[in-house]
Amino acid sequence: MLADLDAPFDDMTAALIGRVDRRGRTMWSLPKGHIETGETAEQTAMREVAEETGISGTIVAPLGKIDYWFVSEGRRIHKTVHHYLLRFTGGELSDEDYEVSEVAWVPLSELPRKLTYSDERRLARMAESVIADLRSDPSRLAQSEASCIRTEPNDYEKAAAARNQRRNEPPPPVKARRRRRRPRRPANGDS
């Protein structure tokens, strides 16, 4: 999320979220989350930014995707995150979301040093060239923004939403196993 896409590059800032890890360290990252039923990846990005930072924006251009694995409740989970360049449209930066411990506007030039994860640092460096490219041609910027407006999820997004929904459902109750009764053996001398 960029605060002002029209500002000089050195004045541009982006919104980041901080989460505290098990060791008590703040891990700075880009807002992200799961696709919900009926959402496109772009709609998910806008919703997650709003939920995790308190600010809203519109999609300007795709930045790329990151695939990774993590463990939750003893299960390995594969996640693909589609990242987008967003233009700030309103709201106030807030860390109200229970998943977030801090939020901050960070100068775009500092993102590669501030971000914890190497894949996100790579995206931040890539964002600089995407911004320069879009700003060099206003018609390309308008065309990019228009092409990012989708309202119907594709097959991949539908499948991802279904997987995410299954993960969030409580596990089915475990059926109690009945013990088979063994016939009593007669004691010595019993017939």
Foldseek 3Di string as FASTA:
>chain_A
DWADLPDPLQPIWDKWFWAQDPVRDTAIDHFWDFQAAQDALQRRNQVRCCQQFVWGWAFQAWLAKDWDWDDDPRDIDIDIHTDTDTYTDDGHTDRPHPRTDDMDTGRLVCVLVRHRDNVRSVSSVSVVVVSVVCVVDVVSRVVRRVVSDDRGYDPVSNVRNVVVVVVPDDDDDDDDDDDDDDDDDDDPPDD
